[in-house]
C-alpha cells in the first residue's frame, strides 16, 4: 500500500479544501479546491474532544469486516475521512486487489458500525478508480 499521506482541511470561511501531502518526509501544499458535496450545505464542526475511537481501532474494525466479507482480496489503497454528521464518523473506503470498493462508516465515539457496503466494481469501474 502507498505510504504517502494526504491531509485535507476545510475552511468554512472560503468554502474550500486545502490539501497537504506528506511525501518523502516533505510536505507539499496543493491548490485549494471546492468541496465536493451531493447537496450544498454547511459542514458541521468536528470537535476533536468527542473522538473516542482511534484510527487504529477503526482500521481494525474495517479489517475484520474485510476478512469476513472478502478474505481473498488485499487492500491496495484507502481513503480515510473523519467527519461530523450529527456524530463524529470515521468514513473509510478501501480499494481491493480485485478493484472492489469496501466502504465502512464507524461511529467515532463508540466504534459502532453505522453503514457498510461493497461495490463489486471489478474492471467495470476501473475508469472511476484511476
N, C-alpha and C. Protein backbone atom coordinates (compact mmCIF):
# COMPACT_ATOMS: atom_id res chain seq x y z
N UNK A 1 0.84 -1.17 0.00
CA UNK A 1 0.00 0.00 0.00
C UNK A 1 0.89 1.24 0.00
N UNK A 2 0.45 2.26 -0.67
CA UNK A 2 1.18 3.52 -0.77
C UNK A 2 1.26 4.18 0.61
N UNK A 3 2.44 4.60 1.01
CA UNK A 3 2.61 5.22 2.32
C UNK A 3 2.53 6.74 2.30
N UNK A 4 2.21 7.33 1.16
CA UNK A 4 2.04 8.78 1.10
C UNK A 4 0.71 9.16 1.73
N UNK A 5 0.73 10.18 2.56
CA UNK A 5 -0.47 10.65 3.22
C UNK A 5 -0.89 11.98 2.64
N UNK A 6 -2.20 12.16 2.49
CA UNK A 6 -2.76 13.44 2.11
C UNK A 6 -3.72 13.85 3.22
N UNK A 7 -3.54 15.05 3.73
CA UNK A 7 -4.40 15.57 4.78
C UNK A 7 -5.10 16.80 4.23
N UNK A 8 -6.42 16.82 4.32
CA UNK A 8 -7.22 17.91 3.78
C UNK A 8 -7.88 18.69 4.91
N UNK A 9 -7.88 20.00 4.78
CA UNK A 9 -8.52 20.87 5.75
C UNK A 9 -9.55 21.72 5.03
N UNK A 10 -10.73 21.80 5.62
CA UNK A 10 -11.82 22.60 5.05
C UNK A 10 -11.90 23.95 5.75
N UNK A 11 -11.97 25.01 4.96
CA UNK A 11 -12.16 26.35 5.51
C UNK A 11 -13.60 26.78 5.25
N UNK A 12 -14.35 26.94 6.33
CA UNK A 12 -15.74 27.38 6.20
C UNK A 12 -15.80 28.80 5.63
N UNK A 13 -14.79 29.59 5.97
CA UNK A 13 -14.76 31.00 5.54
C UNK A 13 -14.72 31.12 4.01
N UNK A 14 -13.87 30.33 3.36
CA UNK A 14 -13.75 30.42 1.91
C UNK A 14 -14.42 29.24 1.18
N UNK A 15 -14.96 28.29 1.97
CA UNK A 15 -15.67 27.12 1.45
C UNK A 15 -14.81 26.32 0.44
N UNK A 16 -13.56 26.12 0.84
CA UNK A 16 -12.65 25.34 0.01
C UNK A 16 -11.81 24.42 0.87
N UNK A 17 -11.24 23.42 0.21
CA UNK A 17 -10.37 22.45 0.87
C UNK A 17 -8.93 22.73 0.45
N UNK A 18 -8.04 22.69 1.42
CA UNK A 18 -6.60 22.76 1.14
C UNK A 18 -6.01 21.41 1.47
N UNK A 19 -5.25 20.84 0.54
CA UNK A 19 -4.65 19.53 0.75
C UNK A 19 -3.15 19.66 0.97
N UNK A 20 -2.66 18.88 1.90
CA UNK A 20 -1.24 18.78 2.18
C UNK A 20 -0.83 17.33 2.01
N UNK A 21 0.23 17.08 1.26
CA UNK A 21 0.69 15.72 1.01
C UNK A 21 2.05 15.54 1.66
N UNK A 22 2.16 14.47 2.43
CA UNK A 22 3.44 14.11 3.04
C UNK A 22 4.08 13.07 2.15
N UNK A 23 5.21 13.44 1.54
CA UNK A 23 5.89 12.54 0.61
C UNK A 23 7.39 12.68 0.84
N UNK A 24 8.04 11.56 1.09
CA UNK A 24 9.49 11.55 1.30
C UNK A 24 9.92 12.56 2.36
N UNK A 25 9.20 12.59 3.47
CA UNK A 25 9.47 13.48 4.60
C UNK A 25 9.37 14.97 4.26
N UNK A 26 8.68 15.29 3.18
CA UNK A 26 8.41 16.68 2.81
C UNK A 26 6.90 16.91 2.78
N UNK A 27 6.48 18.13 3.05
CA UNK A 27 5.06 18.47 2.98
C UNK A 27 4.84 19.35 1.76
N UNK A 28 3.93 18.92 0.92
CA UNK A 28 3.60 19.65 -0.31
C UNK A 28 2.17 20.18 -0.17
N UNK A 29 2.00 21.48 -0.35
CA UNK A 29 0.67 22.09 -0.29
C UNK A 29 0.09 22.17 -1.69
N UNK A 30 -1.10 21.61 -1.86
CA UNK A 30 -1.78 21.66 -3.16
C UNK A 30 -2.68 22.89 -3.22
N UNK A 31 -3.16 23.18 -4.41
CA UNK A 31 -4.08 24.30 -4.59
C UNK A 31 -5.38 24.04 -3.83
N UNK A 32 -6.02 25.11 -3.43
CA UNK A 32 -7.33 24.98 -2.79
C UNK A 32 -8.35 24.55 -3.83
N UNK A 33 -9.28 23.72 -3.39
CA UNK A 33 -10.30 23.23 -4.32
C UNK A 33 -11.67 23.30 -3.65
N UNK A 34 -12.71 23.38 -4.47
CA UNK A 34 -14.05 23.43 -3.89
C UNK A 34 -14.40 22.10 -3.23
N UNK A 35 -15.31 22.16 -2.30
CA UNK A 35 -15.77 20.99 -1.59
C UNK A 35 -16.72 20.20 -2.48
N UNK A 36 -16.53 18.88 -2.53
CA UNK A 36 -17.43 18.01 -3.29
C UNK A 36 -18.55 17.57 -2.35
N UNK A 37 -19.77 17.93 -2.66
CA UNK A 37 -20.93 17.55 -1.86
C UNK A 37 -22.08 17.16 -2.78
N UNK A 38 -22.89 16.22 -2.31
CA UNK A 38 -24.10 15.86 -3.06
C UNK A 38 -25.08 17.02 -3.06
N UNK A 39 -25.23 17.66 -1.91
CA UNK A 39 -26.09 18.84 -1.82
C UNK A 39 -25.34 19.90 -1.02
N UNK A 40 -25.51 21.14 -1.43
CA UNK A 40 -24.76 22.21 -0.78
C UNK A 40 -25.34 22.52 0.59
N UNK A 41 -24.51 22.36 1.60
CA UNK A 41 -24.89 22.69 2.97
C UNK A 41 -23.61 22.96 3.75
N UNK A 42 -23.74 23.69 4.84
CA UNK A 42 -22.57 23.95 5.68
C UNK A 42 -22.16 22.67 6.39
N UNK A 43 -20.87 22.44 6.45
CA UNK A 43 -20.36 21.28 7.18
C UNK A 43 -20.44 21.55 8.67
N UNK A 44 -20.74 20.50 9.43
CA UNK A 44 -20.77 20.63 10.88
C UNK A 44 -19.34 20.64 11.40
N UNK A 45 -19.11 21.40 12.46
CA UNK A 45 -17.78 21.48 13.05
C UNK A 45 -17.46 20.15 13.75
N UNK A 46 -16.28 19.65 13.49
CA UNK A 46 -15.80 18.43 14.12
C UNK A 46 -15.08 18.78 15.41
N UNK A 47 -15.61 18.33 16.53
CA UNK A 47 -15.00 18.56 17.83
C UNK A 47 -14.09 17.38 18.16
N UNK A 48 -12.78 17.60 18.13
CA UNK A 48 -11.83 16.50 18.32
C UNK A 48 -11.94 15.88 19.71
N UNK A 49 -12.42 16.62 20.69
CA UNK A 49 -12.59 16.07 22.04
C UNK A 49 -13.65 14.96 22.08
N UNK A 50 -14.52 14.92 21.07
CA UNK A 50 -15.57 13.90 21.02
C UNK A 50 -15.11 12.60 20.37
N UNK A 51 -13.91 12.59 19.81
CA UNK A 51 -13.38 11.39 19.15
C UNK A 51 -12.86 10.44 20.22
N UNK A 52 -13.51 9.30 20.38
CA UNK A 52 -13.12 8.31 21.39
C UNK A 52 -12.52 7.05 20.76
N UNK A 53 -12.70 6.90 19.45
CA UNK A 53 -12.20 5.73 18.72
C UNK A 53 -11.01 6.17 17.88
N UNK A 54 -9.86 5.55 18.12
CA UNK A 54 -8.65 5.92 17.38
C UNK A 54 -8.72 5.41 15.95
N UNK A 55 -7.87 5.95 15.11
CA UNK A 55 -7.78 5.48 13.72
C UNK A 55 -7.41 4.00 13.70
N UNK A 56 -6.48 3.57 14.55
CA UNK A 56 -6.09 2.16 14.59
C UNK A 56 -7.27 1.26 14.95
N UNK A 57 -8.11 1.70 15.89
CA UNK A 57 -9.29 0.91 16.25
C UNK A 57 -10.27 0.83 15.08
N UNK A 58 -10.48 1.95 14.41
CA UNK A 58 -11.39 1.98 13.27
C UNK A 58 -10.87 1.09 12.14
N UNK A 59 -9.56 1.16 11.87
CA UNK A 59 -8.99 0.30 10.83
C UNK A 59 -9.08 -1.17 11.21
N UNK A 60 -8.97 -1.48 12.50
CA UNK A 60 -9.14 -2.86 12.96
C UNK A 60 -10.54 -3.37 12.66
N UNK A 61 -11.54 -2.52 12.87
CA UNK A 61 -12.93 -2.90 12.57
C UNK A 61 -13.11 -3.11 11.06
N UNK A 62 -12.50 -2.24 10.26
CA UNK A 62 -12.57 -2.37 8.80
C UNK A 62 -11.91 -3.67 8.36
N UNK A 63 -10.73 -3.96 8.89
CA UNK A 63 -10.02 -5.18 8.51
C UNK A 63 -10.81 -6.43 8.89
N UNK A 64 -11.48 -6.40 10.03
CA UNK A 64 -12.29 -7.53 10.46
C UNK A 64 -13.43 -7.79 9.47
N UNK A 65 -14.11 -6.72 9.07
CA UNK A 65 -15.21 -6.87 8.10
C UNK A 65 -14.67 -7.33 6.75
N UNK A 66 -13.54 -6.76 6.33
CA UNK A 66 -12.94 -7.18 5.05
C UNK A 66 -12.61 -8.66 5.07
N UNK A 67 -12.05 -9.13 6.17
CA UNK A 67 -11.66 -10.54 6.28
C UNK A 67 -12.88 -11.46 6.32
N UNK A 68 -14.01 -10.97 6.81
CA UNK A 68 -15.24 -11.76 6.82
C UNK A 68 -15.91 -11.78 5.45
N UNK A 69 -15.95 -10.64 4.78
CA UNK A 69 -16.71 -10.49 3.53
C UNK A 69 -15.92 -10.87 2.28
N UNK A 70 -14.65 -10.44 2.23
CA UNK A 70 -13.84 -10.68 1.02
C UNK A 70 -12.41 -11.07 1.44
N UNK A 71 -12.26 -12.23 2.07
CA UNK A 71 -10.97 -12.61 2.64
C UNK A 71 -9.84 -12.81 1.62
N UNK A 72 -10.18 -13.13 0.39
CA UNK A 72 -9.14 -13.40 -0.60
C UNK A 72 -8.53 -12.14 -1.20
N UNK A 73 -9.14 -11.00 -0.93
CA UNK A 73 -8.67 -9.75 -1.52
C UNK A 73 -7.79 -8.96 -0.55
N UNK A 74 -6.78 -8.31 -1.10
CA UNK A 74 -5.91 -7.44 -0.32
C UNK A 74 -6.34 -5.99 -0.51
N UNK A 75 -6.16 -5.18 0.52
CA UNK A 75 -6.44 -3.75 0.40
C UNK A 75 -5.22 -3.08 -0.23
N UNK A 76 -5.46 -2.36 -1.31
CA UNK A 76 -4.38 -1.70 -2.04
C UNK A 76 -4.30 -0.20 -1.76
N UNK A 77 -5.43 0.40 -1.42
CA UNK A 77 -5.45 1.83 -1.16
C UNK A 77 -6.62 2.14 -0.24
N UNK A 78 -6.46 3.21 0.57
CA UNK A 78 -7.53 3.61 1.47
C UNK A 78 -7.74 5.12 1.42
N UNK A 79 -9.00 5.49 1.58
CA UNK A 79 -9.37 6.89 1.76
C UNK A 79 -10.02 6.96 3.12
N UNK A 80 -9.47 7.77 4.01
CA UNK A 80 -9.95 7.86 5.38
C UNK A 80 -10.42 9.28 5.64
N UNK A 81 -11.69 9.39 6.03
CA UNK A 81 -12.27 10.70 6.31
C UNK A 81 -12.82 10.68 7.73
N UNK A 82 -12.46 11.68 8.50
CA UNK A 82 -13.05 11.88 9.82
C UNK A 82 -13.98 13.08 9.66
N UNK A 83 -15.27 12.84 9.81
CA UNK A 83 -16.25 13.87 9.52
C UNK A 83 -17.29 13.96 10.64
N UNK A 84 -18.02 15.04 10.64
CA UNK A 84 -19.10 15.24 11.60
C UNK A 84 -20.41 15.21 10.84
N UNK A 85 -21.29 14.29 11.20
CA UNK A 85 -22.62 14.22 10.63
C UNK A 85 -23.57 13.82 11.75
N UNK A 86 -23.92 14.79 12.57
CA UNK A 86 -24.65 14.62 13.83
C UNK A 86 -23.75 14.00 14.91
N UNK A 87 -22.91 13.08 14.54
CA UNK A 87 -21.93 12.48 15.43
C UNK A 87 -20.62 12.36 14.65
N UNK A 88 -19.48 12.27 15.31
CA UNK A 88 -18.23 12.08 14.55
C UNK A 88 -18.22 10.68 13.92
N UNK A 89 -17.76 10.62 12.69
CA UNK A 89 -17.77 9.37 11.92
C UNK A 89 -16.43 9.17 11.24
N UNK A 90 -15.89 7.95 11.37
CA UNK A 90 -14.79 7.51 10.52
C UNK A 90 -15.45 6.95 9.26
N UNK A 91 -15.16 7.53 8.12
CA UNK A 91 -15.69 7.08 6.84
C UNK A 91 -14.49 6.53 6.07
N UNK A 92 -14.39 5.20 6.00
CA UNK A 92 -13.19 4.57 5.44
C UNK A 92 -13.56 3.77 4.20
N UNK A 93 -12.95 4.14 3.08
CA UNK A 93 -13.13 3.43 1.82
C UNK A 93 -11.83 2.71 1.48
N UNK A 94 -11.96 1.44 1.15
CA UNK A 94 -10.79 0.62 0.80
C UNK A 94 -10.96 0.08 -0.60
N UNK A 95 -9.93 0.24 -1.42
CA UNK A 95 -9.92 -0.34 -2.76
C UNK A 95 -9.09 -1.61 -2.70
N UNK A 96 -9.67 -2.70 -3.20
CA UNK A 96 -9.02 -4.00 -3.07
C UNK A 96 -8.27 -4.41 -4.33
N UNK A 97 -7.56 -5.52 -4.21
CA UNK A 97 -6.78 -6.05 -5.33
C UNK A 97 -7.67 -6.45 -6.50
N UNK A 98 -8.94 -6.73 -6.25
CA UNK A 98 -9.88 -7.06 -7.33
C UNK A 98 -10.66 -5.83 -7.80
N UNK A 99 -10.18 -4.64 -7.37
CA UNK A 99 -10.79 -3.35 -7.72
C UNK A 99 -12.20 -3.21 -7.17
N UNK A 100 -12.48 -3.86 -6.06
CA UNK A 100 -13.75 -3.66 -5.37
C UNK A 100 -13.58 -2.54 -4.36
N UNK A 101 -14.69 -1.90 -4.04
CA UNK A 101 -14.69 -0.80 -3.09
C UNK A 101 -15.45 -1.23 -1.85
N UNK A 102 -14.76 -1.22 -0.72
CA UNK A 102 -15.38 -1.52 0.57
C UNK A 102 -15.47 -0.20 1.32
N UNK A 103 -16.70 0.22 1.65
CA UNK A 103 -16.89 1.47 2.39
C UNK A 103 -17.56 1.15 3.71
N UNK A 104 -16.96 1.65 4.79
CA UNK A 104 -17.49 1.41 6.12
C UNK A 104 -17.50 2.73 6.87
N UNK A 105 -18.64 3.03 7.50
CA UNK A 105 -18.77 4.21 8.33
C UNK A 105 -18.90 3.74 9.78
N UNK A 106 -18.04 4.30 10.63
CA UNK A 106 -17.95 3.88 12.03
C UNK A 106 -18.17 5.08 12.94
N UNK A 107 -19.04 4.93 13.93
CA UNK A 107 -19.25 5.97 14.92
C UNK A 107 -17.93 6.16 15.68
N UNK A 108 -17.40 7.37 15.65
CA UNK A 108 -16.09 7.65 16.25
C UNK A 108 -16.16 7.88 17.75
N UNK A 109 -17.34 7.72 18.34
CA UNK A 109 -17.46 7.83 19.79
C UNK A 109 -17.59 6.47 20.46
N UNK A 110 -18.12 5.45 19.72
CA UNK A 110 -18.35 4.15 20.36
C UNK A 110 -17.97 2.94 19.50
N UNK A 111 -17.39 3.16 18.33
CA UNK A 111 -16.91 2.10 17.43
C UNK A 111 -18.05 1.27 16.82
N UNK A 112 -19.26 1.79 16.85
CA UNK A 112 -20.41 1.09 16.25
C UNK A 112 -20.37 1.25 14.73
N UNK A 113 -20.62 0.15 14.01
CA UNK A 113 -20.69 0.22 12.55
C UNK A 113 -22.02 0.86 12.18
N UNK A 114 -21.96 1.97 11.47
CA UNK A 114 -23.16 2.69 11.05
C UNK A 114 -23.64 2.16 9.71
N UNK A 115 -22.69 1.91 8.82
CA UNK A 115 -23.03 1.51 7.45
C UNK A 115 -21.84 0.77 6.86
N UNK A 116 -22.13 -0.21 6.03
CA UNK A 116 -21.07 -0.89 5.30
C UNK A 116 -21.61 -1.36 3.96
N UNK A 117 -20.78 -1.27 2.93
CA UNK A 117 -21.17 -1.84 1.65
C UNK A 117 -19.93 -2.18 0.84
N UNK A 118 -20.13 -3.12 -0.06
CA UNK A 118 -19.09 -3.49 -1.00
C UNK A 118 -19.63 -3.24 -2.40
N UNK A 119 -18.94 -2.41 -3.15
CA UNK A 119 -19.29 -2.17 -4.54
C UNK A 119 -18.36 -3.04 -5.36
N UNK A 120 -18.90 -4.09 -5.91
CA UNK A 120 -18.07 -5.03 -6.65
C UNK A 120 -17.87 -4.53 -8.07
N UNK A 121 -16.93 -3.61 -8.17
CA UNK A 121 -16.65 -2.95 -9.45
C UNK A 121 -15.96 -3.88 -10.42
N UNK A 122 -14.89 -4.53 -9.96
CA UNK A 122 -14.06 -5.28 -10.88
C UNK A 122 -13.57 -4.35 -11.96
N UNK A 123 -13.51 -4.81 -13.16
CA UNK A 123 -12.99 -4.00 -14.25
C UNK A 123 -14.03 -3.05 -14.82
N UNK A 124 -15.29 -3.18 -14.43
CA UNK A 124 -16.31 -2.29 -14.97
C UNK A 124 -16.20 -0.88 -14.40
N UNK A 125 -15.56 -0.70 -13.26
CA UNK A 125 -15.45 0.61 -12.63
C UNK A 125 -14.04 1.18 -12.73
N UNK A 126 -13.18 0.59 -13.51
CA UNK A 126 -11.77 0.98 -13.49
C UNK A 126 -11.59 2.46 -13.83
N UNK A 127 -12.41 3.02 -14.69
CA UNK A 127 -12.27 4.42 -15.05
C UNK A 127 -12.54 5.35 -13.87
N UNK A 128 -13.34 4.93 -12.91
CA UNK A 128 -13.64 5.74 -11.74
C UNK A 128 -12.47 5.71 -10.74
N UNK A 129 -11.78 4.61 -10.68
CA UNK A 129 -10.75 4.41 -9.66
C UNK A 129 -9.38 4.93 -10.04
N UNK A 130 -9.15 5.18 -11.28
CA UNK A 130 -7.82 5.61 -11.73
C UNK A 130 -7.74 7.12 -11.75
